[in-house]
Amino acid sequence: MSKQVIVRFAPSPTGPLHIGGVRTALFNYLFAKKHNGTFVLRIEDTDQNRYVEGAEQYIVDALNWCNIPFDEGPGKNEKFGPYRQSERKALYKQYADQLIASGNAYYAFDTSEELDFHRTQDESNGKTFIYNWHNRLNLSNSLALTETQVKAKLDAGDDYVIRFKSPQDQTLHLKDIIRGDIKIDTNVLDDKVLFKSDGMPTYHLANIVDDHLMEITHVIRGEEWLPSLALHFQLYQAFGWEQPEFAHLPLILKPTGKGKLSKRDGDKLGFPVFPLAWNPEFGDSATGYKEEGYFAEAVINFLAFLGWNPGTEQEIFELEELVAAFDLSRVNKAGARFDPDKIKWFNHHYMQEQSNDDLAEAFQKNHKQLEAIDVNYIALVVGLIKERATFVNDFWDLSSYFFVAPESYDEKASKKAFKEDTKAIMTDVLAIVSNIEDFEVETLQKDIKGWITSNDIGFGKVMMPLRLALVGALQGPDVFDIMYMIGKNESIKRIEQLIKSI
């Protein structure tokens, strides 16, 4: 690419960042890094009525947790700042005026009551109201009024909006990196509002002006913005500016594959749809992937495959590998189904990649029962059980018997393990364990297995009740590893307790 690549992620601070927004940010980040470009964060807060306190900081924190930080944005390398649209308010009016001067836009003075009347009238005739070439000369705007009437309204301070003048009987030929060639009949386009009566631009005008001034080369955004492409294309033409290349990402679908993924889907099926927990002063709170115990690497690896594939069988990618492999030409047009089980699969993989020491610290921090336990011992336990875990929160259920003796024995397992001669067998095992001085895994294994073999006893008749004595259930790693870890005295106590209970 001849030009320096500059992309932007431009969310609105109206609440927590949806996982779909994170996917959009990720694809922008990957594309920028692939081409040694710049990843910009721009806060599109022109709709002040929907602004939510804390949402902007949440967006920044989420990107940082995901390890996809922005290069330029609010408070960071503000080359084309400010990066909040509310702080760029003075910029936009001059561009709206420029469009009016060139005949590409016009003042519209219609009140909401007047527009409602026309809308209701059209609906009663089985039509859909649309404000464009077919009726604008019959409405209250600077195209239908005389210059004197328009000046009088402006001088009187009448409320107005500025609308784009969409052309009649034209066919737009648009290009999208993912969607290919797109044709649009301008007769079906409405005259979108570009500037509102409150003195703020709409998304459309602010978006185009900012992308131009910030020298954005590629606009990579969600499919929901595809209907806006025609207007944005025309705005670039109207200003005489070179337009960026566009790429509209596919929707992230519900786990059923039908419809766009929503917070309600996550609530219903028990998975987060936000990267971090959201705890507003007012309104609904929500959990996040971080708080649920997911690793950022797992979330990013999973999101990368929602709509993109590398063209190989490889599924596990480090971030640097994703950067190297990423190509917009391999992004699908069709929606990508969100699979909660798949992201758990990724998390399980990254669990195994974590050091036992780091996991032990997280485990100890989450459980008060472990405060007084040596973290090095906890790390040894983690090493034995993490293969069975998906989250750090799984550790206690998988390993509690390493720290506290079982208070009961699984009923179903007991029926399977306890036979008429179990008490006598476990009494013999107790004697063997008591006489072992070198309490190492190899010694335990040799002495107990040797006794089983020499007495021609089925291994299950010994090992199942022994595991129940130590664990309370038929689960866990190797029995001899457990005995070594909890020590000789504790092993003896637990076997004695089992014998008493039979």
Protein backbone atom coordinates (compact mmCIF):
# COMPACT_ATOMS: atom_id res chain seq x y z
CA MET A 1 0.00 0.00 0.00
CA SER A 2 1.41 3.35 -1.02
CA LYS A 3 -0.29 5.44 1.68
CA GLN A 4 0.37 5.13 5.39
CA VAL A 5 -2.49 2.98 6.69
CA ILE A 6 -4.64 4.70 9.33
CA VAL A 7 -7.76 3.00 10.69
CA ARG A 8 -10.12 4.02 13.45
CA PHE A 9 -12.44 2.41 15.96
CA ALA A 10 -15.20 4.90 16.66
CA PRO A 11 -17.64 3.70 19.36
CA SER A 12 -20.34 5.77 21.04
CA PRO A 13 -20.04 6.04 24.86
CA THR A 14 -23.60 4.88 25.50
CA GLY A 15 -22.83 1.91 27.77
CA PRO A 16 -20.47 -1.06 27.98
CA LEU A 17 -18.63 -2.16 24.86
CA HIS A 18 -20.40 -5.15 23.30
CA ILE A 19 -18.26 -8.10 22.25
CA GLY A 20 -19.17 -7.27 18.64
CA GLY A 21 -17.52 -3.88 19.12
CA VAL A 22 -14.42 -5.61 20.47
CA ARG A 23 -14.34 -7.76 17.31
CA THR A 24 -14.51 -4.59 15.17
CA ALA A 25 -11.69 -3.01 17.20
CA LEU A 26 -9.64 -6.21 16.87
CA PHE A 27 -9.97 -6.37 13.08
CA ASN A 28 -8.98 -2.70 12.82
CA TYR A 29 -5.99 -3.32 15.10
CA LEU A 30 -4.86 -6.40 13.16
CA PHE A 31 -5.16 -4.61 9.83
CA ALA A 32 -3.22 -1.59 11.09
CA LYS A 33 -0.40 -3.67 12.57
CA LYS A 34 -0.24 -5.91 9.50
CA HIS A 35 0.53 -2.82 7.38
CA ASN A 36 2.66 -0.96 9.96
CA GLY A 37 -0.16 1.53 10.27
CA THR A 38 -1.92 3.49 13.01
CA PHE A 39 -4.92 2.40 15.08
CA VAL A 40 -7.02 5.38 16.19
CA LEU A 41 -9.71 5.50 18.88
CA ARG A 42 -12.32 8.20 18.31
CA ILE A 43 -15.22 8.74 20.69
CA GLU A 44 -18.38 9.54 18.73
CA ASP A 45 -20.44 11.31 21.36
CA THR A 46 -22.51 13.66 19.22
CA ASP A 47 -25.71 12.19 20.69
CA GLN A 48 -25.42 13.74 24.14
CA ASN A 49 -28.84 12.42 25.20
CA ARG A 50 -27.48 8.86 25.13
CA TYR A 51 -24.11 9.65 26.73
CA VAL A 52 -23.34 7.42 29.75
CA GLU A 53 -20.84 8.42 32.41
CA GLY A 54 -17.91 6.01 32.60
CA ALA A 55 -18.52 4.42 29.21
CA GLU A 56 -15.50 6.05 27.54
CA GLN A 57 -13.11 4.84 30.25
CA TYR A 58 -14.70 1.39 29.99
CA ILE A 59 -13.89 1.32 26.26
CA VAL A 60 -10.26 2.26 26.92
CA ASP A 61 -9.93 -0.30 29.73
CA ALA A 62 -11.49 -3.01 27.56
CA LEU A 63 -9.06 -2.41 24.67
CA ASN A 64 -6.12 -2.44 27.08
CA TRP A 65 -7.27 -5.68 28.74
CA CYS A 66 -7.60 -7.29 25.32
CA ASN A 67 -4.03 -6.20 24.51
CA ILE A 68 -5.18 -4.17 21.49
CA PRO A 69 -4.46 -0.61 22.73
CA PHE A 70 -4.98 2.35 20.42
CA ASP A 71 -2.04 4.33 19.02
CA GLU A 72 -3.85 7.67 18.89
CA GLY A 73 -6.92 8.76 20.80
CA PRO A 74 -8.17 10.79 23.74
CA GLY A 75 -5.15 11.78 25.83
CA LYS A 76 -2.68 9.78 23.72
CA ASN A 77 -0.61 11.02 20.77
CA GLU A 78 -3.32 13.48 19.73
CA LYS A 79 -1.92 14.19 16.27
CA PHE A 80 -5.37 15.02 14.87
CA GLY A 81 -7.11 15.76 18.16
CA PRO A 82 -9.33 16.29 19.91
CA TYR A 83 -10.64 12.76 19.52
CA ARG A 84 -14.02 13.30 21.17
CA GLN A 85 -16.57 14.59 18.67
CA SER A 86 -18.27 16.71 21.32
CA GLU A 87 -15.01 18.68 21.57
CA ARG A 88 -14.90 19.16 17.79
CA LYS A 89 -18.33 20.82 17.62
CA ALA A 90 -17.05 24.07 16.12
CA LEU A 91 -15.55 22.18 13.18
CA TYR A 92 -18.68 20.69 11.73
CA LYS A 93 -20.87 23.74 11.06
CA GLN A 94 -18.43 25.13 8.50
CA TYR A 95 -18.59 21.87 6.53
CA ALA A 96 -22.38 21.83 6.66
CA ASP A 97 -22.36 25.42 5.38
CA GLN A 98 -19.94 24.38 2.63
CA LEU A 99 -22.43 21.76 1.43
CA ILE A 100 -25.23 24.32 1.39
CA ALA A 101 -23.06 26.72 -0.60
CA SER A 102 -22.27 24.02 -3.16
CA GLY A 103 -25.94 23.05 -3.50
CA ASN A 104 -25.44 19.61 -1.97
CA ALA A 105 -27.45 20.35 1.17
CA TYR A 106 -30.30 22.60 2.27
CA TYR A 107 -32.05 24.03 5.33
CA ALA A 108 -35.21 22.22 6.43
CA PHE A 109 -37.56 24.00 8.82
CA ASP A 110 -40.23 21.29 9.13
CA THR A 111 -41.45 20.81 12.70
CA SER A 112 -41.80 17.35 14.20
CA GLU A 113 -45.59 17.84 14.14
CA GLU A 114 -45.54 18.62 10.43
CA LEU A 115 -43.37 15.58 9.67
CA ASP A 116 -45.65 13.38 11.78
CA PHE A 117 -48.64 14.65 9.80
CA HIS A 118 -47.01 13.75 6.47
CA ARG A 119 -45.90 10.40 7.84
CA THR A 120 -49.41 9.55 9.04
CA GLN A 121 -50.94 10.70 5.78
CA ASP A 122 -48.63 8.49 3.73
CA GLU A 123 -49.26 5.50 6.00
CA SER A 124 -53.02 5.92 5.60
CA ASN A 125 -52.47 5.64 1.84
CA GLY A 126 -50.33 2.53 2.22
CA LYS A 127 -47.07 4.37 1.61
CA THR A 128 -43.88 4.89 3.59
CA PHE A 129 -42.95 8.52 4.19
CA ILE A 130 -39.55 9.41 2.78
CA TYR A 131 -38.11 12.92 2.60
CA ASN A 132 -36.35 13.28 -0.76
CA TRP A 133 -36.64 14.46 -4.38
CA HIS A 134 -40.25 13.34 -4.81
CA ASN A 135 -41.73 15.62 -2.12
CA ARG A 136 -39.11 18.07 -0.83
CA LEU A 137 -40.41 20.95 -2.96
CA ASN A 138 -43.75 20.60 -1.14
CA LEU A 139 -42.17 20.75 2.32
CA SER A 140 -40.77 23.56 4.45
CA ASN A 141 -37.16 23.93 3.33
CA SER A 142 -34.80 26.28 1.51
CA LEU A 143 -35.42 24.48 -1.79
CA ALA A 144 -39.15 25.26 -1.67
CA LEU A 145 -39.02 28.69 -0.02
CA THR A 146 -37.72 31.94 -1.49
CA GLU A 147 -34.35 33.35 -0.40
CA THR A 148 -36.20 36.09 1.45
CA GLN A 149 -38.34 33.58 3.34
CA VAL A 150 -35.29 31.49 4.23
CA LYS A 151 -33.35 34.53 5.47
CA ALA A 152 -36.32 35.64 7.55
CA LYS A 153 -36.56 32.25 9.23
CA LEU A 154 -32.82 32.13 9.94
CA ASP A 155 -32.80 35.69 11.27
CA ALA A 156 -35.79 34.89 13.49
CA GLY A 157 -33.90 31.95 14.98
CA ASP A 158 -36.36 29.33 13.75
CA ASP A 159 -35.25 25.76 14.42
CA TYR A 160 -33.83 23.99 11.41
CA VAL A 161 -31.81 21.00 10.35
CA ILE A 162 -29.49 20.70 7.39
CA ARG A 163 -30.34 17.85 5.04
CA PHE A 164 -28.24 16.28 2.30
CA LYS A 165 -29.75 16.70 -1.14
CA SER A 166 -29.76 13.18 -2.56
CA PRO A 167 -29.79 13.13 -6.38
CA GLN A 168 -32.59 11.80 -8.55
CA ASP A 169 -32.31 9.08 -11.21
CA GLN A 170 -28.69 8.14 -10.58
CA THR A 171 -27.00 4.80 -9.94
CA LEU A 172 -24.16 4.75 -7.43
CA HIS A 173 -21.37 2.25 -7.98
CA LEU A 174 -19.84 1.49 -4.59
CA LYS A 175 -16.98 -0.80 -3.63
CA ASP A 176 -16.54 -2.74 -0.42
CA ILE A 177 -13.50 -4.92 0.29
CA ILE A 178 -15.69 -7.67 1.76
CA ARG A 179 -18.97 -7.21 -0.14
CA GLY A 180 -17.53 -6.42 -3.56
CA ASP A 181 -19.34 -4.13 -6.01
CA ILE A 182 -22.62 -2.59 -4.85
CA LYS A 183 -25.16 -0.66 -6.95
CA ILE A 184 -27.60 1.78 -5.37
CA ASP A 185 -30.53 3.58 -7.03
CA THR A 186 -30.52 7.11 -5.60
CA ASN A 187 -34.28 7.38 -6.01
CA VAL A 188 -34.74 5.18 -2.92
CA LEU A 189 -32.45 7.31 -0.72
CA ASP A 190 -33.84 9.85 1.71
CA ASP A 191 -32.35 13.25 2.37
CA LYS A 192 -30.53 12.45 5.61
CA VAL A 193 -30.14 15.07 8.32
CA LEU A 194 -26.50 16.16 8.58
CA PHE A 195 -26.79 18.90 11.17
CA LYS A 196 -29.31 19.07 14.02
CA SER A 197 -31.20 21.98 15.55
CA ASP A 198 -29.16 21.65 18.77
CA GLY A 199 -26.02 22.69 16.89
CA MET A 200 -24.53 19.19 16.78
CA PRO A 201 -23.79 17.21 13.63
CA THR A 202 -25.34 13.81 13.07
CA TYR A 203 -23.16 10.73 12.93
CA HIS A 204 -22.97 10.95 9.14
CA LEU A 205 -21.45 14.42 8.80
CA ALA A 206 -19.14 14.16 11.81
CA ASN A 207 -17.99 10.73 10.68
CA ILE A 208 -17.02 11.86 7.19
CA VAL A 209 -15.38 15.11 8.29
CA ASP A 210 -13.36 13.39 11.01
CA ASP A 211 -12.29 10.49 8.80
CA HIS A 212 -11.06 13.02 6.24
CA LEU A 213 -9.26 15.29 8.71
CA MET A 214 -7.69 12.32 10.52
CA GLU A 215 -6.52 10.91 7.17
CA ILE A 216 -8.29 7.57 7.66
CA THR A 217 -7.39 5.26 4.78
CA HIS A 218 -9.65 2.29 5.59
CA VAL A 219 -13.02 2.24 7.33
CA ILE A 220 -13.56 -1.21 8.85
CA ARG A 221 -16.90 -1.32 10.65
CA GLY A 222 -19.93 -3.49 11.33
CA GLU A 223 -22.51 -4.58 8.77
CA GLU A 224 -25.14 -2.40 10.44
CA TRP A 225 -23.45 0.63 8.82
CA LEU A 226 -23.72 -0.77 5.29
CA PRO A 227 -26.98 1.18 4.58
CA SER A 228 -25.03 4.39 5.32
CA LEU A 229 -22.38 3.67 2.71
CA ALA A 230 -24.31 5.37 -0.12
CA LEU A 231 -24.65 8.63 1.81
CA HIS A 232 -21.03 8.57 2.94
CA PHE A 233 -19.88 7.91 -0.61
CA GLN A 234 -21.94 10.88 -1.84
CA LEU A 235 -20.59 13.13 0.92
CA TYR A 236 -17.03 12.42 -0.15
CA GLN A 237 -18.02 13.27 -3.71
CA ALA A 238 -19.79 16.46 -2.60
CA PHE A 239 -16.72 17.66 -0.70
CA GLY A 240 -14.37 16.61 -3.49
CA TRP A 241 -12.36 14.48 -1.10
CA GLU A 242 -10.62 11.17 -1.73
CA GLN A 243 -12.63 8.52 0.05
CA PRO A 244 -11.16 5.72 2.17
CA GLU A 245 -11.64 2.06 1.33
CA PHE A 246 -14.60 0.46 3.09
CA ALA A 247 -15.01 -2.99 4.63
CA HIS A 248 -18.22 -3.98 6.41
CA LEU A 249 -17.82 -6.89 8.82
CA PRO A 250 -20.48 -9.62 9.12
CA LEU A 251 -22.87 -9.71 12.06
CA ILE A 252 -22.15 -11.81 15.12
CA LEU A 253 -25.17 -14.09 15.39
CA LYS A 254 -26.91 -15.74 18.32
CA PRO A 255 -25.72 -19.27 19.27
CA THR A 256 -28.74 -20.58 17.35
CA GLY A 257 -27.47 -18.79 14.25
CA LYS A 258 -30.65 -16.74 13.91
CA GLY A 259 -30.51 -13.02 14.64
CA LYS A 260 -27.90 -10.64 16.04
CA LEU A 261 -26.25 -11.55 19.36
CA SER A 262 -27.63 -9.50 22.25
CA LYS A 263 -27.12 -9.12 26.00
CA ARG A 264 -30.39 -11.00 26.49
CA ASP A 265 -28.89 -14.04 24.75
CA GLY A 266 -25.99 -14.02 27.18
CA ASP A 267 -28.28 -13.62 30.19
CA LYS A 268 -30.51 -16.44 28.97
CA LEU A 269 -27.74 -18.91 28.13
CA GLY A 270 -25.28 -17.94 30.86
CA PHE A 271 -22.34 -16.28 29.10
CA PRO A 272 -21.03 -12.69 29.02
CA VAL A 273 -21.36 -10.40 26.01
CA PHE A 274 -19.02 -7.72 27.39
CA PRO A 275 -15.24 -7.89 27.85
CA LEU A 276 -15.30 -6.38 31.36
CA ALA A 277 -17.91 -6.16 34.08
CA TRP A 278 -20.17 -3.11 33.88
CA ASN A 279 -21.32 -1.54 37.14
CA PRO A 280 -23.06 1.77 36.47
CA GLU A 281 -24.33 3.99 39.26
CA PHE A 282 -27.76 3.62 37.73
CA GLY A 283 -29.15 0.99 35.39
CA ASP A 284 -28.36 -2.66 34.83
CA SER A 285 -24.98 -4.12 35.70
CA ALA A 286 -23.40 -6.96 33.75
CA THR A 287 -20.55 -9.41 34.15
CA GLY A 288 -17.60 -9.56 31.78
CA TYR A 289 -15.22 -12.12 30.31
CA LYS A 290 -12.38 -10.95 32.55
CA GLU A 291 -14.41 -11.39 35.74
CA GLU A 292 -15.77 -14.75 34.56
CA GLY A 293 -12.21 -16.05 34.43
CA TYR A 294 -11.46 -15.90 30.72
CA PHE A 295 -7.98 -15.06 29.54
CA ALA A 296 -7.69 -12.10 27.18
CA GLU A 297 -5.74 -14.29 24.73
CA ALA A 298 -8.65 -16.74 24.56
CA VAL A 299 -11.20 -14.00 23.93
CA ILE A 300 -9.08 -12.44 21.16
CA ASN A 301 -8.31 -15.80 19.51
CA PHE A 302 -12.02 -16.67 19.56
CA LEU A 303 -13.17 -13.29 18.22
CA ALA A 304 -10.66 -13.42 15.38
CA PHE A 305 -12.47 -16.47 14.00
CA LEU A 306 -15.88 -14.80 14.08
CA GLY A 307 -16.13 -13.95 10.41
CA TRP A 308 -12.50 -14.56 9.43
CA ASN A 309 -10.46 -17.66 8.76
CA PRO A 310 -6.77 -18.04 7.89
CA GLY A 311 -7.36 -20.58 5.14
CA THR A 312 -5.51 -23.25 7.11
CA GLU A 313 -6.34 -25.76 9.84
CA GLN A 314 -4.57 -23.68 12.49
CA GLU A 315 -6.87 -22.46 15.26
CA ILE A 316 -4.50 -21.33 18.02
CA PHE A 317 -2.90 -17.98 17.22
CA GLU A 318 -0.83 -15.68 19.34
CA LEU A 319 -1.59 -12.00 18.70
CA GLU A 320 1.55 -11.56 16.58
CA GLU A 321 0.53 -14.57 14.48
CA LEU A 322 -2.93 -13.10 13.96
CA VAL A 323 -1.35 -9.87 12.77
CA ALA A 324 0.81 -11.75 10.27
CA ALA A 325 -2.07 -13.93 9.00
CA PHE A 326 -4.88 -11.37 8.92
CA ASP A 327 -6.29 -10.40 5.54
CA LEU A 328 -9.60 -8.63 4.89
CA SER A 329 -10.07 -10.71 1.75
CA ARG A 330 -10.59 -13.73 4.01
CA VAL A 331 -13.42 -12.11 5.98
CA ASN A 332 -16.77 -13.73 5.21
CA LYS A 333 -19.92 -11.92 4.11
CA ALA A 334 -22.23 -14.25 6.04
CA GLY A 335 -22.93 -13.76 9.73
CA ALA A 336 -20.75 -15.62 12.25
CA ARG A 337 -22.47 -17.78 14.89
CA PHE A 338 -21.34 -17.15 18.46
CA ASP A 339 -20.43 -20.47 20.08
CA PRO A 340 -20.08 -20.24 23.91
CA ASP A 341 -18.52 -23.72 24.03
CA LYS A 342 -15.83 -22.76 21.53
CA ILE A 343 -14.61 -19.83 23.58
CA LYS A 344 -14.39 -22.18 26.58
CA TRP A 345 -12.30 -24.50 24.42
CA PHE A 346 -9.93 -21.63 23.70
CA ASN A 347 -9.82 -20.72 27.37
CA HIS A 348 -8.96 -24.29 28.34
CA HIS A 349 -6.05 -24.19 25.91
CA TYR A 350 -4.71 -20.91 27.27
CA MET A 351 -5.16 -22.23 30.80
CA GLN A 352 -2.56 -24.89 30.04
CA GLU A 353 -0.21 -22.19 28.72
CA GLN A 354 -0.25 -20.26 32.00
CA SER A 355 2.50 -20.82 34.56
CA ASN A 356 1.50 -22.79 37.64
CA ASP A 357 2.89 -20.00 39.83
CA ASP A 358 0.66 -17.34 38.24
CA LEU A 359 -2.39 -19.58 38.42
CA ALA A 360 -1.61 -20.43 42.04
CA GLU A 361 -1.53 -16.76 42.98
CA ALA A 362 -4.88 -16.17 41.27
CA PHE A 363 -6.34 -19.28 42.94
CA GLN A 364 -5.15 -18.22 46.38
CA LYS A 365 -6.47 -14.70 45.89
CA ASN A 366 -9.94 -16.03 45.05
CA HIS A 367 -10.25 -18.38 48.04
CA LYS A 368 -9.91 -17.33 51.65
CA GLN A 369 -9.40 -20.98 52.64
CA LEU A 370 -5.99 -20.79 50.99
CA GLU A 371 -4.68 -17.61 52.64
CA ALA A 372 -2.42 -19.50 55.06
CA ILE A 373 -1.28 -22.13 52.55
CA ASP A 374 2.20 -21.90 51.00
CA VAL A 375 1.70 -20.65 47.43
CA ASN A 376 4.41 -23.06 46.24
CA TYR A 377 2.31 -25.99 47.48
CA ILE A 378 -0.73 -24.51 45.72
CA ALA A 379 1.32 -24.28 42.51
CA LEU A 380 2.14 -28.00 42.76
CA VAL A 381 -1.56 -28.77 43.17
CA VAL A 382 -2.44 -26.56 40.20
CA GLY A 383 0.05 -28.47 38.09
CA LEU A 384 -1.82 -31.71 38.84
CA ILE A 385 -5.36 -30.49 38.15
CA LYS A 386 -5.28 -27.61 35.65
CA GLU A 387 -5.59 -29.99 32.68
CA ARG A 388 -9.16 -30.67 33.83
CA ALA A 389 -9.98 -26.98 34.34
CA THR A 390 -11.36 -24.31 32.03
CA PHE A 391 -11.29 -21.48 34.57
CA VAL A 392 -9.35 -20.68 37.74
CA ASN A 393 -12.77 -20.77 39.42
CA ASP A 394 -12.85 -24.51 38.66
CA PHE A 395 -9.78 -25.20 40.77
CA TRP A 396 -11.46 -25.51 44.17
CA ASP A 397 -13.95 -28.15 43.07
CA LEU A 398 -11.12 -30.05 41.39
CA SER A 399 -8.63 -29.80 44.24
CA SER A 400 -10.28 -29.06 47.60
CA TYR A 401 -9.19 -32.49 48.91
CA PHE A 402 -5.55 -31.35 48.67
CA PHE A 403 -6.31 -28.81 51.38
CA VAL A 404 -9.16 -30.29 53.47
CA ALA A 405 -10.20 -33.88 54.11
CA PRO A 406 -13.49 -35.00 52.54
CA GLU A 407 -16.43 -34.78 54.94
CA SER A 408 -18.51 -37.31 53.04
CA TYR A 409 -18.22 -39.85 50.24
CA ASP A 410 -20.05 -39.69 46.93
CA GLU A 411 -23.07 -41.96 47.31
CA LYS A 412 -23.02 -43.43 43.82
CA ALA A 413 -19.26 -44.01 43.96
CA SER A 414 -19.53 -45.62 47.40
CA LYS A 415 -22.04 -48.19 46.14
CA LYS A 416 -19.62 -49.01 43.34
CA ALA A 417 -16.47 -49.14 45.47
CA PHE A 418 -17.58 -50.68 48.79
CA LYS A 419 -17.76 -54.49 48.87
CA GLU A 420 -17.99 -57.01 51.71
CA ASP A 421 -14.22 -57.27 52.00
CA THR A 422 -13.44 -53.54 51.49
CA LYS A 423 -12.95 -52.85 55.20
CA ALA A 424 -10.43 -55.70 55.56
CA ILE A 425 -8.60 -54.67 52.39
CA MET A 426 -8.34 -51.03 53.47
CA THR A 427 -7.10 -52.12 56.89
CA ASP A 428 -4.23 -53.95 55.13
CA VAL A 429 -3.56 -50.91 52.95
CA LEU A 430 -3.43 -48.74 56.07
CA ALA A 431 -0.76 -51.01 57.53
CA ILE A 432 1.31 -50.80 54.32
CA VAL A 433 1.07 -47.01 54.19
CA SER A 434 1.96 -46.72 57.89
CA ASN A 435 5.13 -48.77 57.39
CA ILE A 436 6.45 -46.77 54.42
CA GLU A 437 9.29 -44.52 55.54
CA ASP A 438 10.37 -43.12 52.19
CA PHE A 439 7.00 -41.46 51.41
CA GLU A 440 7.62 -40.79 47.72
CA VAL A 441 5.34 -41.44 44.72
CA GLU A 442 7.57 -44.25 43.41
CA THR A 443 7.70 -46.03 46.79
CA LEU A 444 3.96 -45.77 47.35
CA GLN A 445 3.29 -47.08 43.89
CA LYS A 446 5.75 -49.99 44.23
CA ASP A 447 4.63 -51.12 47.67
CA ILE A 448 0.85 -50.84 47.21
CA LYS A 449 0.74 -52.17 43.64
CA GLY A 450 3.16 -54.93 44.59
CA TRP A 451 0.90 -55.99 47.47
CA ILE A 452 -2.15 -55.98 45.18
CA THR A 453 -0.39 -58.13 42.58
CA SER A 454 1.12 -60.60 45.07
CA ASN A 455 -2.28 -61.14 46.72
CA ASP A 456 -4.04 -61.47 43.36
CA ILE A 457 -6.58 -58.75 44.23
CA GLY A 458 -8.37 -56.78 41.54
CA PHE A 459 -6.93 -53.28 41.30
CA GLY A 460 -10.40 -51.70 41.39
CA LYS A 461 -11.16 -53.34 44.76
CA VAL A 462 -8.24 -51.41 46.25
CA MET A 463 -7.82 -48.27 44.22
CA MET A 464 -11.48 -47.17 44.16
CA PRO A 465 -11.98 -47.18 47.96
CA LEU A 466 -8.49 -45.70 48.41
CA ARG A 467 -9.38 -42.82 46.09
CA LEU A 468 -12.69 -42.34 47.94
CA ALA A 469 -10.77 -42.15 51.23
CA LEU A 470 -8.48 -39.44 49.87
CA VAL A 471 -10.84 -37.46 47.66
CA GLY A 472 -14.41 -38.32 48.66
CA ALA A 473 -15.23 -39.08 45.01
CA LEU A 474 -13.87 -41.06 42.10
CA GLN A 475 -12.04 -38.13 40.56
CA GLY A 476 -8.69 -36.41 40.55
CA PRO A 477 -5.14 -37.14 39.41
CA ASP A 478 -3.07 -40.22 40.23
CA VAL A 479 -3.81 -41.58 43.71
CA PHE A 480 -0.12 -41.79 44.59
CA ASP A 481 0.42 -38.15 43.60
CA ILE A 482 -2.41 -37.18 45.94
CA MET A 483 -0.94 -39.22 48.83
CA TYR A 484 2.50 -37.71 48.31
CA MET A 485 1.07 -34.19 48.24
CA ILE A 486 -1.08 -34.43 51.37
CA GLY A 487 1.64 -36.39 53.23
CA LYS A 488 1.82 -39.57 55.22
CA ASN A 489 -0.04 -38.47 58.35
CA GLU A 490 -2.97 -37.01 56.44
CA SER A 491 -3.16 -40.08 54.16
CA ILE A 492 -3.32 -42.35 57.22
CA LYS A 493 -6.05 -40.20 58.83
CA ARG A 494 -8.22 -40.30 55.73
CA ILE A 495 -7.87 -44.07 55.30
CA GLU A 496 -8.73 -44.56 58.99
CA GLN A 497 -11.79 -42.35 58.61
CA LEU A 498 -12.98 -44.39 55.62
CA ILE A 499 -12.56 -47.67 57.56
CA LYS A 500 -14.67 -46.25 60.41
CA SER A 501 -17.43 -45.21 58.02
CA ILE A 502 -17.80 -48.57 56.29
